[in-house]
C-alpha atoms as a PDB file:
ATOM      1  CA  MET A   1     -59.608  37.469  36.421  1.00  0.00           C
ATOM      2  CA  ASN A   2     -62.893  35.721  35.481  1.00  0.00           C
ATOM      3  CA  CYS A   3     -64.008  32.143  36.265  1.00  0.00           C
ATOM      4  CA  ARG A   4     -62.879  30.700  32.938  1.00  0.00           C
ATOM      5  CA  GLN A   5     -59.365  32.004  33.406  1.00  0.00           C
ATOM      6  CA  VAL A   6     -59.327  30.711  36.981  1.00  0.00           C
ATOM      7  CA  GLU A   7     -60.423  27.172  35.925  1.00  0.00           C
ATOM      8  CA  ARG A   8     -57.479  26.932  33.530  1.00  0.00           C
ATOM      9  CA  ARG A   9     -55.025  27.898  36.275  1.00  0.00           C
ATOM     10  CA  LEU A  10     -56.395  25.789  39.183  1.00  0.00           C
ATOM     11  CA  PRO A  11     -54.051  22.773  38.595  1.00  0.00           C
ATOM     12  CA  GLY A  12     -51.052  25.106  38.493  1.00  0.00           C
ATOM     13  CA  TYR A  13     -52.314  26.869  41.621  1.00  0.00           C
ATOM     14  CA  LEU A  14     -52.282  23.565  43.537  1.00  0.00           C
ATOM     15  CA  ASP A  15     -48.826  22.609  42.204  1.00  0.00           C
ATOM     16  CA  GLY A  16     -47.280  26.060  42.533  1.00  0.00           C
ATOM     17  CA  ALA A  17     -46.639  26.187  38.805  1.00  0.00           C
ATOM     18  CA  ILE A  18     -48.053  29.632  38.056  1.00  0.00           C
ATOM     19  CA  THR A  19     -46.519  33.057  38.411  1.00  0.00           C
ATOM     20  CA  ALA A  20     -46.776  35.049  41.653  1.00  0.00           C
ATOM     21  CA  ARG A  21     -49.001  37.654  39.990  1.00  0.00           C
ATOM     22  CA  ASP A  22     -51.456  34.983  38.719  1.00  0.00           C
ATOM     23  CA  HIS A  23     -51.353  33.325  42.123  1.00  0.00           C
ATOM     24  CA  ALA A  24     -52.378  36.574  43.850  1.00  0.00           C
ATOM     25  CA  LEU A  25     -55.149  37.315  41.343  1.00  0.00           C
ATOM     26  CA  LEU A  26     -56.469  33.742  41.643  1.00  0.00           C
ATOM     27  CA  ARG A  27     -56.572  33.900  45.447  1.00  0.00           C
ATOM     28  CA  GLU A  28     -58.471  37.146  45.241  1.00  0.00           C
ATOM     29  CA  HIS A  29     -61.028  35.588  42.895  1.00  0.00           C
ATOM     30  CA  LEU A  30     -61.418  32.435  45.022  1.00  0.00           C
ATOM     31  CA  SER A  31     -62.202  34.492  48.091  1.00  0.00           C
ATOM     32  CA  ALA A  32     -65.285  35.891  46.360  1.00  0.00           C
ATOM     33  CA  CYS A  33     -66.397  32.964  44.079  1.00  0.00           C
ATOM     34  CA  ASP A  34     -68.008  29.884  45.644  1.00  0.00           C
ATOM     35  CA  ARG A  35     -68.154  27.973  42.357  1.00  0.00           C
ATOM     36  CA  CYS A  36     -64.431  28.291  41.745  1.00  0.00           C
ATOM     37  CA  ARG A  37     -63.646  27.322  45.348  1.00  0.00           C
ATOM     38  CA  GLU A  38     -65.733  24.157  44.864  1.00  0.00           C
ATOM     39  CA  GLU A  39     -63.845  23.367  41.685  1.00  0.00           C
ATOM     40  CA  LEU A  40     -60.576  23.841  43.574  1.00  0.00           C
ATOM     41  CA  GLU A  41     -61.695  21.339  46.213  1.00  0.00           C
ATOM     42  CA  ASN A  42     -62.528  18.834  43.502  1.00  0.00           C
ATOM     43  CA  TYR A  43     -58.990  19.172  42.152  1.00  0.00           C
ATOM     44  CA  ARG A  44     -57.581  18.665  45.658  1.00  0.00           C
ATOM     45  CA  ALA A  45     -59.672  15.499  46.132  1.00  0.00           C
ATOM     46  CA  LEU A  46     -58.560  14.168  42.756  1.00  0.00           C
ATOM     47  CA  SER A  47     -54.939  14.851  43.582  1.00  0.00           C
ATOM     48  CA  ALA A  48     -55.293  12.990  46.902  1.00  0.00           C
ATOM     49  CA  GLN A  49     -56.859   9.997  45.161  1.00  0.00           C
ATOM     50  CA  LEU A  50     -54.089   9.880  42.566  1.00  0.00           C
ATOM     51  CA  ALA A  51     -51.456  10.029  45.289  1.00  0.00           C
ATOM     52  CA  ARG A  52     -52.840   6.824  46.851  1.00  0.00           C
ATOM     53  CA  LEU A  53     -52.673   4.815  43.610  1.00  0.00           C
ATOM     54  CA  GLU A  54     -50.031   2.055  43.320  1.00  0.00           C
ATOM     55  CA  PRO A  55     -47.480   2.570  40.524  1.00  0.00           C
ATOM     56  CA  VAL A  56     -48.113   0.268  37.580  1.00  0.00           C
ATOM     57  CA  ALA A  57     -45.117  -1.397  35.890  1.00  0.00           C
ATOM     58  CA  PRO A  58     -45.041  -0.915  32.100  1.00  0.00           C
ATOM     59  CA  PRO A  59     -45.500  -3.992  29.901  1.00  0.00           C
ATOM     60  CA  ALA A  60     -42.312  -5.896  29.108  1.00  0.00           C
ATOM     61  CA  ALA A  61     -42.846  -5.421  25.390  1.00  0.00           C
ATOM     62  CA  LEU A  62     -43.236  -1.646  25.668  1.00  0.00           C
ATOM     63  CA  PRO A  63     -39.550  -0.722  24.990  1.00  0.00           C
ATOM     64  CA  ALA A  64     -39.471  -2.877  21.859  1.00  0.00           C
ATOM     65  CA  ALA A  65     -42.754  -1.410  20.686  1.00  0.00           C
ATOM     66  CA  ILE A  66     -41.422   2.121  21.224  1.00  0.00           C
ATOM     67  CA  ARG A  67     -38.236   1.371  19.269  1.00  0.00           C
ATOM     68  CA  ALA A  68     -40.237  -0.167  16.429  1.00  0.00           C
ATOM     69  CA  ARG A  69     -42.506   2.849  16.314  1.00  0.00           C
ATOM     70  CA  VAL A  70     -39.535   5.227  16.311  1.00  0.00           C
ATOM     71  CA  ALA A  71     -37.920   3.222  13.493  1.00  0.00           C
ATOM     72  CA  GLU A  72     -41.086   3.573  11.425  1.00  0.00           C
ATOM     73  CA  VAL A  73     -41.073   7.348  11.679  1.00  0.00           C
ATOM     74  CA  GLN A  74     -37.308   7.776  11.138  1.00  0.00           C
ATOM     75  CA  PRO A  75     -36.365   9.653   7.964  1.00  0.00           C
ATOM     76  CA  ALA A  76     -34.911   7.772   4.987  1.00  0.00           C
ATOM     77  CA  TRP A  77     -31.360   9.113   5.539  1.00  0.00           C
ATOM     78  CA  ALA A  78     -31.284   7.656   9.055  1.00  0.00           C
ATOM     79  CA  ARG A  79     -32.129   4.176   7.731  1.00  0.00           C
ATOM     80  CA  LEU A  80     -29.494   4.512   5.028  1.00  0.00           C
ATOM     81  CA  HIS A  81     -26.922   5.554   7.606  1.00  0.00           C
ATOM     82  CA  ARG A  82     -27.757   2.522   9.727  1.00  0.00           C
ATOM     83  CA  LEU A  83     -27.427   0.185   6.731  1.00  0.00           C
ATOM     84  CA  TRP A  84     -24.120   1.801   5.777  1.00  0.00           C
ATOM     85  CA  SER A  85     -22.765   1.326   9.287  1.00  0.00           C
ATOM     86  CA  ARG A  86     -23.677  -2.354   9.225  1.00  0.00           C
ATOM     87  CA  ALA A  87     -22.058  -2.817   5.814  1.00  0.00           C
ATOM     88  CA  VAL A  88     -18.838  -1.179   7.036  1.00  0.00           C
ATOM     89  CA  LEU A  89     -18.709  -3.508  10.027  1.00  0.00           C
ATOM     90  CA  VAL A  90     -19.239  -6.557   7.802  1.00  0.00           C
ATOM     91  CA  PHE A  91     -16.475  -5.525   5.398  1.00  0.00           C
ATOM     92  CA  GLU A  92     -14.079  -4.818   8.265  1.00  0.00           C
ATOM     93  CA  ASP A  93     -14.731  -8.274   9.711  1.00  0.00           C
ATOM     94  CA  ILE A  94     -14.074  -9.875   6.315  1.00  0.00           C
ATOM     95  CA  LEU A  95     -11.153  -7.808   5.017  1.00  0.00           C
ATOM     96  CA  GLU A  96      -9.183  -7.105   8.200  1.00  0.00           C
ATOM     97  CA  PRO A  97      -7.853 -10.705   8.553  1.00  0.00           C
ATOM     98  CA  LEU A  98      -6.725 -10.540   4.905  1.00  0.00           C
ATOM     99  CA  ALA A  99      -5.001  -7.159   5.203  1.00  0.00           C
ATOM    100  CA  VAL A 100      -1.555  -8.437   6.288  1.00  0.00           C
ATOM    101  CA  PRO A 101      -1.297 -11.289   3.701  1.00  0.00           C
ATOM    102  CA  ALA A 102      -2.520  -8.973   0.958  1.00  0.00           C
ATOM    103  CA  THR A 103       0.044  -6.311   1.894  1.00  0.00           C
ATOM    104  CA  GLY A 104       2.828  -8.893   1.851  1.00  0.00           C
ATOM    105  CA  GLY A 105       1.713 -10.147  -1.559  1.00  0.00           C
ATOM    106  CA  ILE A 106       1.643  -6.633  -2.997  1.00  0.00           C
ATOM    107  CA  LEU A 107       5.148  -5.872  -1.713  1.00  0.00           C
ATOM    108  CA  THR A 108       6.485  -9.120  -3.167  1.00  0.00           C
ATOM    109  CA  ALA A 109       4.875  -8.361  -6.532  1.00  0.00           C
ATOM    110  CA  LEU A 110       6.410  -4.864  -6.542  1.00  0.00           C
ATOM    111  CA  VAL A 111       9.901  -6.244  -5.814  1.00  0.00           C
ATOM    112  CA  VAL A 112       9.633  -8.848  -8.593  1.00  0.00           C
ATOM    113  CA  PHE A 113       8.294  -6.238 -11.013  1.00  0.00           C
ATOM    114  CA  ALA A 114      11.164  -3.861 -10.196  1.00  0.00           C
ATOM    115  CA  LEU A 115      13.727  -6.612 -10.838  1.00  0.00           C
ATOM    116  CA  LEU A 116      12.125  -7.533 -14.165  1.00  0.00           C
ATOM    117  CA  VAL A 117      11.947  -3.920 -15.338  1.00  0.00           C
ATOM    118  CA  GLN A 118      15.531  -3.261 -14.271  1.00  0.00           C
ATOM    119  CA  ASN A 119      16.806  -6.258 -16.206  1.00  0.00           C
ATOM    120  CA  ALA A 120      14.650  -5.499 -19.228  1.00  0.00           C
ATOM    121  CA  LEU A 121      15.683  -1.830 -19.491  1.00  0.00           C
ATOM    122  CA  VAL A 122      19.288  -1.966 -18.377  1.00  0.00           C
ATOM    123  CA  GLY A 123      20.203  -5.468 -19.471  1.00  0.00           C
ATOM    124  CA  VAL A 124      22.398  -6.250 -16.474  1.00  0.00           C
ATOM    125  CA  PRO A 125      21.530  -7.528 -13.017  1.00  0.00           C
ATOM    126  CA  LEU A 126      21.637  -5.323  -9.937  1.00  0.00           C
ATOM    127  CA  GLY A 127      25.203  -4.573  -8.880  1.00  0.00           C
ATOM    128  CA  GLY A 128      26.668  -5.268 -12.336  1.00  0.00           C
ATOM    129  CA  VAL A 129      27.688  -8.461 -14.060  1.00  0.00           C
ATOM    130  CA  VAL A 130      29.566 -10.817 -11.784  1.00  0.00           C
ATOM    131  CA  ALA A 131      31.605 -13.734 -13.094  1.00  0.00           C
ATOM    132  CA  ASN A 132      29.633 -16.991 -13.164  1.00  0.00           C
ATOM    133  CA  ASP A 133      26.569 -15.170 -11.812  1.00  0.00           C
ATOM    134  CA  LEU A 134      23.430 -15.975 -13.821  1.00  0.00           C
ATOM    135  CA  PRO A 135      20.471 -14.771 -11.726  1.00  0.00           C
ATOM    136  CA  LEU A 136      17.278 -16.462 -12.874  1.00  0.00           C
ATOM    137  CA  LYS A 137      18.827 -16.970 -16.356  1.00  0.00           C
ATOM    138  CA  LEU A 138      17.506 -13.533 -17.298  1.00  0.00           C
ATOM    139  CA  VAL A 139      20.879 -12.015 -18.147  1.00  0.00           C
ATOM    140  CA  GLN A 140      23.823 -14.161 -19.224  1.00  0.00           C
ATOM    141  CA  PRO A 141      27.229 -12.579 -19.804  1.00  0.00           C
ATOM    142  CA  ALA A 142      29.205 -13.023 -22.989  1.00  0.00           C
ATOM    143  CA  ARG A 143      31.707 -15.868 -23.090  1.00  0.00           C
ATOM    144  CA  LEU A 144      34.386 -17.476 -25.237  1.00  0.00           C
ATOM    145  CA  GLU A 145      33.273 -20.525 -27.220  1.00  0.00           C
ATOM    146  CA  SER A 146      36.547 -21.392 -28.960  1.00  0.00           C
ATOM    147  CA  LEU A 147      39.872 -19.599 -29.337  1.00  0.00           C
ATOM    148  CA  ALA A 148      41.594 -19.475 -32.719  1.00  0.00           C
ATOM    149  CA  PRO A 149      44.823 -21.595 -32.748  1.00  0.00           C
ATOM    150  CA  PHE A 150      47.169 -18.756 -33.640  1.00  0.00           C
ATOM    151  CA  PRO A 151      50.226 -17.936 -31.519  1.00  0.00           C
ATOM    152  CA  VAL A 152      50.432 -14.538 -29.913  1.00  0.00           C
ATOM    153  CA  THR A 153      54.099 -13.562 -30.097  1.00  0.00           C
ATOM    154  CA  GLY A 154      55.622 -10.122 -30.489  1.00  0.00           C
ATOM    155  CA  ALA A 155      58.940  -8.261 -30.330  1.00  0.00           C
ATOM    156  CA  THR A 156      59.767  -6.303 -27.188  1.00  0.00           C
ATOM    157  CA  GLY A 157      62.962  -4.739 -28.462  1.00  0.00           C
ATOM    158  CA  ASP A 158      65.450  -7.132 -26.732  1.00  0.00           C
ATOM    159  CA  GLU A 159      67.059 -10.379 -27.925  1.00  0.00           C
ATOM    160  CA  HIS A 160      66.031 -12.563 -25.065  1.00  0.00           C
ATOM    161  CA  SER A 161      62.904 -14.601 -24.711  1.00  0.00           C
ATOM    162  CA  ARG A 162      60.916 -14.548 -21.527  1.00  0.00           C
ATOM    163  CA  SER A 163      57.548 -15.785 -20.342  1.00  0.00           C
ATOM    164  CA  GLY A 164      54.693 -13.525 -19.231  1.00  0.00           C
ATOM    165  CA  VAL A 165      50.915 -13.053 -19.129  1.00  0.00           C
ATOM    166  CA  LEU A 166      48.889 -11.011 -21.597  1.00  0.00           C
ATOM    167  CA  LEU A 167      45.465  -9.971 -20.258  1.00  0.00           C
ATOM    168  CA  VAL A 168      42.974  -8.629 -22.809  1.00  0.00           C
ATOM    169  CA  GLU A 169      39.399  -7.358 -22.413  1.00  0.00           C
ATOM    170  CA  ALA A 170      37.294  -7.756 -25.589  1.00  0.00           C
ATOM    171  CA  THR A 171      33.938  -6.048 -26.211  1.00  0.00           C
ATOM    172  CA  LEU A 172      31.377  -7.898 -28.386  1.00  0.00           C
ATOM    173  CA  ASP A 173      28.408  -6.863 -30.467  1.00  0.00           C
ATOM    174  CA  ALA A 174      25.028  -8.660 -30.622  1.00  0.00           C
ATOM    175  CA  GLN A 175      26.439 -11.085 -33.246  1.00  0.00           C
ATOM    176  CA  GLY A 176      29.332 -12.174 -31.052  1.00  0.00           C
ATOM    177  CA  GLN A 177      31.946 -10.286 -33.078  1.00  0.00           C
ATOM    178  CA  VAL A 178      34.733  -8.376 -31.349  1.00  0.00           C
ATOM    179  CA  VAL A 179      34.222  -4.649 -31.922  1.00  0.00           C
ATOM    180  CA  SER A 180      37.081  -3.450 -29.732  1.00  0.00           C
ATOM    181  CA  TYR A 181      39.598  -4.663 -27.191  1.00  0.00           C
ATOM    182  CA  ARG A 182      42.184  -3.277 -24.832  1.00  0.00           C
ATOM    183  CA  VAL A 183      45.301  -4.753 -23.306  1.00  0.00           C
ATOM    184  CA  LEU A 184      45.053  -4.658 -19.539  1.00  0.00           C
ATOM    185  CA  SER A 185      48.508  -6.090 -18.872  1.00  0.00           C
ATOM    186  CA  GLY A 186      51.397  -7.393 -20.928  1.00  0.00           C
ATOM    187  CA  PRO A 187      53.034  -6.181 -24.141  1.00  0.00           C
ATOM    188  CA  ASN A 188      51.032  -3.653 -26.151  1.00  0.00           C
ATOM    189  CA  ASP A 189      53.048  -3.056 -29.295  1.00  0.00           C
ATOM    190  CA  SER A 190      52.032  -3.135 -32.958  1.00  0.00           C
ATOM    191  CA  ILE A 191      53.149  -6.730 -33.539  1.00  0.00           C
ATOM    192  CA  THR A 192      51.195  -7.995 -30.547  1.00  0.00           C
ATOM    193  CA  ASN A 193      48.143  -6.002 -31.631  1.00  0.00           C
ATOM    194  CA  ARG A 194      48.234  -7.500 -35.160  1.00  0.00           C
ATOM    195  CA  GLN A 195      48.452 -10.987 -33.679  1.00  0.00           C
ATOM    196  CA  LEU A 196      45.546 -10.208 -31.304  1.00  0.00           C
ATOM    197  CA  ASP A 197      43.494  -8.909 -34.251  1.00  0.00           C
ATOM    198  CA  GLN A 198      44.005 -12.234 -36.036  1.00  0.00           C
ATOM    199  CA  VAL A 199      43.191 -14.362 -32.974  1.00  0.00           C
ATOM    200  CA  LEU A 200      40.070 -12.406 -32.025  1.00  0.00           C
ATOM    201  CA  LEU A 201      38.815 -12.322 -35.618  1.00  0.00           C
ATOM    202  CA  PHE A 202      38.805 -16.112 -35.986  1.00  0.00           C
ATOM    203  CA  SER A 203      37.709 -16.959 -32.431  1.00  0.00           C
ATOM    204  CA  ARG A 204      34.096 -17.781 -31.653  1.00  0.00           C
ATOM    205  CA  PHE A 205      32.210 -15.922 -28.911  1.00  0.00           C
ATOM    206  CA  ARG A 206      28.702 -16.092 -27.594  1.00  0.00           C
ATOM    207  CA  PRO A 207      27.226 -12.569 -27.153  1.00  0.00           C
ATOM    208  CA  GLN A 208      25.600 -11.352 -23.980  1.00  0.00           C
ATOM    209  CA  LEU A 209      21.999 -12.600 -23.616  1.00  0.00           C
ATOM    210  CA  SER A 210      19.194 -10.600 -22.046  1.00  0.00           C
ATOM    211  CA  PHE A 211      15.961 -12.572 -21.655  1.00  0.00           C
ATOM    212  CA  GLY A 212      17.360 -14.989 -24.213  1.00  0.00           C
ATOM    213  CA  ARG A 213      18.020 -12.283 -26.815  1.00  0.00           C
ATOM    214  CA  PRO A 214      21.573 -11.393 -27.953  1.00  0.00           C
ATOM    215  CA  THR A 215      22.601  -7.882 -26.957  1.00  0.00           C
ATOM    216  CA  GLY A 216      25.706  -5.851 -27.610  1.00  0.00           C
ATOM    217  CA  GLY A 217      28.105  -4.552 -24.981  1.00  0.00           C
ATOM    218  CA  GLY A 218      29.184  -7.902 -23.527  1.00  0.00           C
ATOM    219  CA  ARG A 219      32.796  -8.177 -22.365  1.00  0.00           C
ATOM    220  CA  VAL A 220      35.123 -11.187 -22.296  1.00  0.00           C
ATOM    221  CA  MET A 221      38.434 -11.405 -20.421  1.00  0.00           C
ATOM    222  CA  LEU A 222      41.187 -13.340 -22.277  1.00  0.00           C
ATOM    223  CA  SER A 223      44.459 -14.430 -20.733  1.00  0.00           C
ATOM    224  CA  PHE A 224      47.427 -15.545 -22.841  1.00  0.00           C
ATOM    225  CA  SER A 225      50.273 -17.234 -20.961  1.00  0.00           C
ATOM    226  CA  ASP A 226      53.864 -18.076 -21.951  1.00  0.00           C
ATOM    227  CA  ILE A 227      54.164 -15.287 -24.492  1.00  0.00           C
ATOM    228  CA  ARG A 228      57.362 -15.745 -26.424  1.00  0.00           C
ATOM    229  CA  VAL A 229      59.077 -12.431 -27.200  1.00  0.00           C
ATOM    230  CA  ARG A 230      61.773 -12.580 -29.891  1.00  0.00           C
ATOM    231  CA  GLY A 231      64.244  -9.985 -31.043  1.00  0.00           C
END
């Protein structure tokens, strides 16, 4: 090991930071070289002087200066990521308080839309048409406007007269005309049917309304009391 190699390893020799092989070679060289031993003593004196120095506190502005310098040398993607993170936080602060009211409004709009579509496509309210039930005036059932003043009497095959109730269900078209009917209770013979044909033909009905437009398929219940049956 020559003097130049020894000079480079003298600080590590003092601190014990060189390998055992280099340490042995350096000791062997120092034992025979006065110049290198003098240089070693200079390093020892310098180390002793440095050990007696008081620690100096860093300036208060040093951390901020370091962060600013680091920010200047950061790549572009790091700055974009930082801006994106700030934007996300701002949007969360703004939108999070509105999340619950907005969700409630959306659900309400969906329910109203479903009801409107159901009534528009089917033409009847949910659960079927109920008597005297006009939800939101969207669907209105058919009804009787005026009944023709013709008696409904028919023969039952006996010679006695008796009172009863004739219950009829009539189905209307979009013009309010009776397209069919059926007797739910009471006499259902040919004479009674001819009399019902005459009464229903000259009676006035209002057809079923869906969103204010006449639609077919409306039904009207008619009850005839005190039917006189003659032989």
